[in-house]
Amino acid sequence: MHTIFTRWWQDGSVDAIHNDLRDEVRRSEGRDTDPTAAIIDSQSVRAAETVGADSRGYDAGKKVAGRKRHVIVDTIGLLLVVMVTSASVQDRDGARAALAHLRGLFESIRLVWADGGYAGKLVTWARKKLRLTIEIVKRTDDVKGFVVLPRRWVVERTLSWIFQRRRCVRDYERLPEHHEAMVKWSMIMLMSRRLAGTKDAKHRK
């Protein structure tokens, strides 16, 4: 099974399946296949013993030893980019590679929403180098407790979807790119079920 998993990842089959399903879901929602806006965030996950010391780290803010998933999603929460790094990599640093990859995939995207962890030099860099506008969505100082923030809840929901898959609760993969593949497989399962439910609903009408 691992041989097939590796071959499908290396020959681009996982990306092809994932991207085709994403296009179908967007069409089923009445949207163009090319998004014009996105949301970025990250999630640190604990690493199993199978994860090499050279690709793991410690996220002092979240108090997690392992790896970090940097994800960019569209406005309905579908995955556009995932990059896995050591958990010690700062959000702004991981975002540079993720945003550059996003620009290579989607020339149509002009706006990216992010939380306060991405503020600062990254905003200027993205505007000058990638022609991307990063809009920071912050909590207001006078609000206490849990609050749903505009746009940011979309990517947070996607991270919770990914976290529902047992293989994504922790990072078990020797290579970071294999964990990226696991994240895409989790979204493949989610989108397949969503499309199957949409088709069943149409048949019942």
C-alpha atoms as a PDB file:
ATOM      1  CA  MET A   1       0.000   0.000   0.000  1.00  0.00           C
ATOM      2  CA  HIS A   2       2.795   2.429   0.864  1.00  0.00           C
ATOM      3  CA  THR A   3       4.379   1.829  -2.544  1.00  0.00           C
ATOM      4  CA  ILE A   4       1.118   2.790  -4.271  1.00  0.00           C
ATOM      5  CA  PHE A   5       0.695   5.810  -1.978  1.00  0.00           C
ATOM      6  CA  THR A   6       4.215   7.018  -2.826  1.00  0.00           C
ATOM      7  CA  ARG A   7       3.791   6.436  -6.566  1.00  0.00           C
ATOM      8  CA  TRP A   8       0.480   8.304  -6.709  1.00  0.00           C
ATOM      9  CA  TRP A   9       1.997  11.241  -4.836  1.00  0.00           C
ATOM     10  CA  GLN A  10       5.144  11.375  -6.937  1.00  0.00           C
ATOM     11  CA  ASP A  11       3.388  11.094 -10.319  1.00  0.00           C
ATOM     12  CA  GLY A  12       0.881  13.840  -9.467  1.00  0.00           C
ATOM     13  CA  SER A  13      -2.195  11.614  -9.244  1.00  0.00           C
ATOM     14  CA  VAL A  14      -3.151  12.863  -5.770  1.00  0.00           C
ATOM     15  CA  ASP A  15      -2.993  16.489  -6.895  1.00  0.00           C
ATOM     16  CA  ALA A  16      -4.984  15.712 -10.041  1.00  0.00           C
ATOM     17  CA  ILE A  17      -7.775  13.938  -8.133  1.00  0.00           C
ATOM     18  CA  HIS A  18      -7.891  16.612  -5.442  1.00  0.00           C
ATOM     19  CA  ASN A  19      -7.960  19.524  -7.886  1.00  0.00           C
ATOM     20  CA  ASP A  20     -10.599  17.946 -10.151  1.00  0.00           C
ATOM     21  CA  LEU A  21     -12.869  17.341  -7.157  1.00  0.00           C
ATOM     22  CA  ARG A  22     -12.338  20.901  -5.908  1.00  0.00           C
ATOM     23  CA  ASP A  23     -13.357  22.253  -9.316  1.00  0.00           C
ATOM     24  CA  GLU A  24     -16.487  20.083  -9.252  1.00  0.00           C
ATOM     25  CA  VAL A  25     -17.468  21.246  -5.771  1.00  0.00           C
ATOM     26  CA  ARG A  26     -16.968  24.888  -6.750  1.00  0.00           C
ATOM     27  CA  ARG A  27     -19.121  24.383  -9.858  1.00  0.00           C
ATOM     28  CA  SER A  28     -21.805  22.672  -7.770  1.00  0.00           C
ATOM     29  CA  GLU A  29     -21.822  25.788  -5.555  1.00  0.00           C
ATOM     30  CA  GLY A  30     -22.312  28.000  -8.608  1.00  0.00           C
ATOM     31  CA  ARG A  31     -18.766  29.350  -8.529  1.00  0.00           C
ATOM     32  CA  ASP A  32     -16.025  29.703 -11.110  1.00  0.00           C
ATOM     33  CA  THR A  33     -13.274  27.095 -10.802  1.00  0.00           C
ATOM     34  CA  ASP A  34     -10.643  29.828 -10.392  1.00  0.00           C
ATOM     35  CA  PRO A  35     -10.995  31.594  -7.022  1.00  0.00           C
ATOM     36  CA  THR A  36     -10.283  35.307  -6.656  1.00  0.00           C
ATOM     37  CA  ALA A  37      -9.722  35.396  -2.872  1.00  0.00           C
ATOM     38  CA  ALA A  38      -8.311  33.082  -0.202  1.00  0.00           C
ATOM     39  CA  ILE A  39      -7.641  32.711   3.537  1.00  0.00           C
ATOM     40  CA  ILE A  40      -4.366  31.563   5.128  1.00  0.00           C
ATOM     41  CA  ASP A  41      -3.667  30.001   8.520  1.00  0.00           C
ATOM     42  CA  SER A  42      -1.504  27.349  10.165  1.00  0.00           C
ATOM     43  CA  GLN A  43      -1.918  24.436  12.553  1.00  0.00           C
ATOM     44  CA  SER A  44       0.780  22.763  14.650  1.00  0.00           C
ATOM     45  CA  VAL A  45       0.447  19.012  15.230  1.00  0.00           C
ATOM     46  CA  ARG A  46       2.393  16.636  17.423  1.00  0.00           C
ATOM     47  CA  ALA A  47       4.851  14.347  15.691  1.00  0.00           C
ATOM     48  CA  ALA A  48       5.146  10.615  16.186  1.00  0.00           C
ATOM     49  CA  GLU A  49       8.490   8.862  16.634  1.00  0.00           C
ATOM     50  CA  THR A  50       8.542   8.122  12.905  1.00  0.00           C
ATOM     51  CA  VAL A  51       9.082  11.822  12.134  1.00  0.00           C
ATOM     52  CA  GLY A  52      12.756  12.608  11.691  1.00  0.00           C
ATOM     53  CA  ALA A  53      14.475  15.062  14.038  1.00  0.00           C
ATOM     54  CA  ASP A  54      15.607  17.136  11.039  1.00  0.00           C
ATOM     55  CA  SER A  55      12.022  18.083  10.120  1.00  0.00           C
ATOM     56  CA  ARG A  56      10.406  18.528  13.533  1.00  0.00           C
ATOM     57  CA  GLY A  57      10.524  21.473  15.911  1.00  0.00           C
ATOM     58  CA  TYR A  58       8.786  23.173  18.816  1.00  0.00           C
ATOM     59  CA  ASP A  59       5.988  25.727  18.551  1.00  0.00           C
ATOM     60  CA  ALA A  60       6.462  27.719  21.759  1.00  0.00           C
ATOM     61  CA  GLY A  61       3.172  29.582  21.316  1.00  0.00           C
ATOM     62  CA  LYS A  62       1.066  26.420  21.023  1.00  0.00           C
ATOM     63  CA  LYS A  63       3.433  24.301  23.143  1.00  0.00           C
ATOM     64  CA  VAL A  64       3.505  21.617  20.447  1.00  0.00           C
ATOM     65  CA  ALA A  65       6.529  19.572  19.404  1.00  0.00           C
ATOM     66  CA  GLY A  66       6.205  18.381  15.831  1.00  0.00           C
ATOM     67  CA  ARG A  67       5.304  19.916  12.513  1.00  0.00           C
ATOM     68  CA  LYS A  68       3.173  22.770  11.255  1.00  0.00           C
ATOM     69  CA  ARG A  69       0.624  22.715   8.419  1.00  0.00           C
ATOM     70  CA  HIS A  70       0.425  26.002   6.510  1.00  0.00           C
ATOM     71  CA  VAL A  71      -2.844  25.986   4.566  1.00  0.00           C
ATOM     72  CA  ILE A  72      -4.544  28.351   2.156  1.00  0.00           C
ATOM     73  CA  VAL A  73      -8.217  27.803   1.326  1.00  0.00           C
ATOM     74  CA  ASP A  74     -10.814  29.422  -0.896  1.00  0.00           C
ATOM     75  CA  THR A  75     -13.814  31.327   0.464  1.00  0.00           C
ATOM     76  CA  ILE A  76     -15.867  28.129   0.945  1.00  0.00           C
ATOM     77  CA  GLY A  77     -13.054  26.321   2.747  1.00  0.00           C
ATOM     78  CA  LEU A  78     -11.652  24.126  -0.011  1.00  0.00           C
ATOM     79  CA  LEU A  79      -7.912  23.526   0.085  1.00  0.00           C
ATOM     80  CA  LEU A  80      -5.755  25.451  -2.381  1.00  0.00           C
ATOM     81  CA  VAL A  81      -2.276  25.010  -0.873  1.00  0.00           C
ATOM     82  CA  VAL A  82      -0.790  22.978   1.964  1.00  0.00           C
ATOM     83  CA  MET A  83       2.857  23.111   3.017  1.00  0.00           C
ATOM     84  CA  VAL A  84       4.300  21.202   5.967  1.00  0.00           C
ATOM     85  CA  THR A  85       7.282  22.540   7.914  1.00  0.00           C
ATOM     86  CA  SER A  86       8.863  22.162  11.308  1.00  0.00           C
ATOM     87  CA  ALA A  87       6.564  23.488  14.043  1.00  0.00           C
ATOM     88  CA  SER A  88       9.266  26.008  14.942  1.00  0.00           C
ATOM     89  CA  VAL A  89       8.825  27.875  11.637  1.00  0.00           C
ATOM     90  CA  GLN A  90       7.052  31.189  12.208  1.00  0.00           C
ATOM     91  CA  ASP A  91       3.719  31.698  10.435  1.00  0.00           C
ATOM     92  CA  ARG A  92       5.069  34.642   8.422  1.00  0.00           C
ATOM     93  CA  ASP A  93       8.077  32.623   7.238  1.00  0.00           C
ATOM     94  CA  GLY A  94       6.022  29.612   6.223  1.00  0.00           C
ATOM     95  CA  ALA A  95       3.530  31.897   4.517  1.00  0.00           C
ATOM     96  CA  ARG A  96       6.111  33.188   2.044  1.00  0.00           C
ATOM     97  CA  ALA A  97       6.594  29.798   0.420  1.00  0.00           C
ATOM     98  CA  ALA A  98       2.880  28.979   0.614  1.00  0.00           C
ATOM     99  CA  LEU A  99       1.835  32.295  -0.960  1.00  0.00           C
ATOM    100  CA  ALA A 100       4.457  31.992  -3.693  1.00  0.00           C
ATOM    101  CA  HIS A 101       3.083  28.540  -4.512  1.00  0.00           C
ATOM    102  CA  LEU A 102      -0.451  29.941  -4.484  1.00  0.00           C
ATOM    103  CA  ARG A 103       0.523  32.644  -6.975  1.00  0.00           C
ATOM    104  CA  GLY A 104       1.997  30.001  -9.296  1.00  0.00           C
ATOM    105  CA  LEU A 105      -1.242  28.017  -9.217  1.00  0.00           C
ATOM    106  CA  PHE A 106      -3.837  30.812  -9.327  1.00  0.00           C
ATOM    107  CA  GLU A 107      -3.186  34.038 -11.206  1.00  0.00           C
ATOM    108  CA  SER A 108      -6.828  34.950 -10.516  1.00  0.00           C
ATOM    109  CA  ILE A 109      -6.330  35.450  -6.758  1.00  0.00           C
ATOM    110  CA  ARG A 110      -5.738  39.036  -5.664  1.00  0.00           C
ATOM    111  CA  LEU A 111      -6.835  39.074  -1.991  1.00  0.00           C
ATOM    112  CA  VAL A 112      -5.802  36.915   0.971  1.00  0.00           C
ATOM    113  CA  TRP A 113      -7.259  37.259   4.480  1.00  0.00           C
ATOM    114  CA  ALA A 114      -5.058  36.410   7.474  1.00  0.00           C
ATOM    115  CA  ASP A 115      -4.834  36.841  11.233  1.00  0.00           C
ATOM    116  CA  GLY A 116      -2.528  39.185  13.117  1.00  0.00           C
ATOM    117  CA  GLY A 117       0.344  36.698  13.059  1.00  0.00           C
ATOM    118  CA  TYR A 118       0.875  37.535   9.402  1.00  0.00           C
ATOM    119  CA  ALA A 119       1.020  41.313   9.825  1.00  0.00           C
ATOM    120  CA  GLY A 120       4.155  43.332   9.133  1.00  0.00           C
ATOM    121  CA  LYS A 121       6.772  42.857   6.422  1.00  0.00           C
ATOM    122  CA  LEU A 122       4.923  39.914   4.857  1.00  0.00           C
ATOM    123  CA  VAL A 123       2.097  42.228   3.765  1.00  0.00           C
ATOM    124  CA  THR A 124       4.505  44.520   1.911  1.00  0.00           C
ATOM    125  CA  TRP A 125       6.459  41.605   0.435  1.00  0.00           C
ATOM    126  CA  ALA A 126       3.312  39.916  -0.899  1.00  0.00           C
ATOM    127  CA  ARG A 127       2.082  43.131  -2.491  1.00  0.00           C
ATOM    128  CA  LYS A 128       5.402  43.908  -4.203  1.00  0.00           C
ATOM    129  CA  LYS A 129       6.571  40.417  -5.140  1.00  0.00           C
ATOM    130  CA  LEU A 130       3.328  38.518  -5.735  1.00  0.00           C
ATOM    131  CA  ARG A 131       0.755  41.247  -6.428  1.00  0.00           C
ATOM    132  CA  LEU A 132      -1.320  39.891  -3.531  1.00  0.00           C
ATOM    133  CA  THR A 133      -3.173  42.052  -1.023  1.00  0.00           C
ATOM    134  CA  ILE A 134      -3.073  40.569   2.484  1.00  0.00           C
ATOM    135  CA  GLU A 135      -5.897  41.896   4.646  1.00  0.00           C
ATOM    136  CA  ILE A 136      -5.409  41.319   8.363  1.00  0.00           C
ATOM    137  CA  VAL A 137      -8.553  40.349  10.297  1.00  0.00           C
ATOM    138  CA  LYS A 138      -8.115  41.124  13.991  1.00  0.00           C
ATOM    139  CA  ARG A 139     -10.190  40.789  17.125  1.00  0.00           C
ATOM    140  CA  THR A 140     -11.353  44.043  18.619  1.00  0.00           C
ATOM    141  CA  ASP A 141      -9.810  44.775  22.010  1.00  0.00           C
ATOM    142  CA  ASP A 142     -13.183  45.302  23.695  1.00  0.00           C
ATOM    143  CA  VAL A 143     -14.497  41.805  22.858  1.00  0.00           C
ATOM    144  CA  LYS A 144     -13.924  39.057  25.426  1.00  0.00           C
ATOM    145  CA  GLY A 145     -14.219  35.294  25.067  1.00  0.00           C
ATOM    146  CA  PHE A 146     -14.867  33.317  21.899  1.00  0.00           C
ATOM    147  CA  VAL A 147     -16.002  35.269  18.843  1.00  0.00           C
ATOM    148  CA  VAL A 148     -16.444  34.250  15.206  1.00  0.00           C
ATOM    149  CA  LEU A 149     -14.206  36.467  13.098  1.00  0.00           C
ATOM    150  CA  PRO A 150     -15.094  37.367   9.510  1.00  0.00           C
ATOM    151  CA  ARG A 151     -13.371  35.158   6.925  1.00  0.00           C
ATOM    152  CA  ARG A 152     -11.019  33.542   9.444  1.00  0.00           C
ATOM    153  CA  TRP A 153     -13.690  31.073  10.575  1.00  0.00           C
ATOM    154  CA  VAL A 154     -13.618  29.543   7.085  1.00  0.00           C
ATOM    155  CA  VAL A 155     -10.009  28.365   7.267  1.00  0.00           C
ATOM    156  CA  GLU A 156     -10.418  27.358  10.915  1.00  0.00           C
ATOM    157  CA  ARG A 157     -13.322  25.119   9.882  1.00  0.00           C
ATOM    158  CA  THR A 158     -11.133  23.528   7.193  1.00  0.00           C
ATOM    159  CA  LEU A 159      -8.419  22.816   9.756  1.00  0.00           C
ATOM    160  CA  SER A 160     -11.050  21.089  11.913  1.00  0.00           C
ATOM    161  CA  TRP A 161     -12.160  19.013   8.892  1.00  0.00           C
ATOM    162  CA  ILE A 162      -8.572  17.875   8.343  1.00  0.00           C
ATOM    163  CA  PHE A 163      -8.141  17.117  12.037  1.00  0.00           C
ATOM    164  CA  GLN A 164     -11.078  14.691  11.942  1.00  0.00           C
ATOM    165  CA  ARG A 165      -8.979  12.173   9.970  1.00  0.00           C
ATOM    166  CA  ARG A 166      -7.045   9.835  12.243  1.00  0.00           C
ATOM    167  CA  ARG A 167      -3.926  10.029  10.092  1.00  0.00           C
ATOM    168  CA  CYS A 168      -3.942  13.823  10.413  1.00  0.00           C
ATOM    169  CA  VAL A 169      -4.480  14.090  14.180  1.00  0.00           C
ATOM    170  CA  ARG A 170      -0.734  13.556  14.548  1.00  0.00           C
ATOM    171  CA  ASP A 171       2.056  13.574  11.985  1.00  0.00           C
ATOM    172  CA  TYR A 172       3.270  10.028  11.411  1.00  0.00           C
ATOM    173  CA  GLU A 173       5.074  10.602   8.115  1.00  0.00           C
ATOM    174  CA  ARG A 174       8.816  10.374   7.668  1.00  0.00           C
ATOM    175  CA  LEU A 175       8.731  13.028   4.933  1.00  0.00           C
ATOM    176  CA  PRO A 176       6.846  16.367   5.173  1.00  0.00           C
ATOM    177  CA  GLU A 177       5.520  15.947   1.637  1.00  0.00           C
ATOM    178  CA  HIS A 178       3.881  12.665   2.637  1.00  0.00           C
ATOM    179  CA  HIS A 179       1.946  14.487   5.352  1.00  0.00           C
ATOM    180  CA  GLU A 180       0.906  17.036   2.722  1.00  0.00           C
ATOM    181  CA  ALA A 181      -0.457  14.102   0.729  1.00  0.00           C
ATOM    182  CA  MET A 182      -2.408  12.870   3.760  1.00  0.00           C
ATOM    183  CA  VAL A 183      -3.990  16.304   4.156  1.00  0.00           C
ATOM    184  CA  LYS A 184      -5.061  16.249   0.510  1.00  0.00           C
ATOM    185  CA  TRP A 185      -6.486  12.735   0.899  1.00  0.00           C
ATOM    186  CA  SER A 186      -8.567  13.976   3.834  1.00  0.00           C
ATOM    187  CA  MET A 187      -9.989  16.718   1.604  1.00  0.00           C
ATOM    188  CA  ILE A 188     -10.534  14.237  -1.233  1.00  0.00           C
ATOM    189  CA  MET A 189     -12.731  12.141   1.063  1.00  0.00           C
ATOM    190  CA  LEU A 190     -14.651  15.190   2.254  1.00  0.00           C
ATOM    191  CA  MET A 191     -15.275  16.529  -1.261  1.00  0.00           C
ATOM    192  CA  SER A 192     -16.230  13.107  -2.631  1.00  0.00           C
ATOM    193  CA  ARG A 193     -18.896  12.728   0.048  1.00  0.00           C
ATOM    194  CA  ARG A 194     -20.154  16.247  -0.512  1.00  0.00           C
ATOM    195  CA  LEU A 195     -20.523  15.649  -4.249  1.00  0.00           C
ATOM    196  CA  ALA A 196     -22.167  12.251  -3.690  1.00  0.00           C
ATOM    197  CA  GLY A 197     -24.668  13.890  -1.347  1.00  0.00           C
ATOM    198  CA  THR A 198     -25.410  16.612  -3.887  1.00  0.00           C
ATOM    199  CA  LYS A 199     -26.054  14.048  -6.632  1.00  0.00           C
ATOM    200  CA  ASP A 200     -28.270  11.931  -4.353  1.00  0.00           C
ATOM    201  CA  ALA A 201     -30.322  15.009  -3.478  1.00  0.00           C
ATOM    202  CA  LYS A 202     -30.833  15.813  -7.167  1.00  0.00           C
ATOM    203  CA  HIS A 203     -31.960  12.255  -7.915  1.00  0.00           C
ATOM    204  CA  ARG A 204     -34.568  12.416  -5.115  1.00  0.00           C
ATOM    205  CA  LYS A 205     -36.222  15.497  -6.551  1.00  0.00           C
END
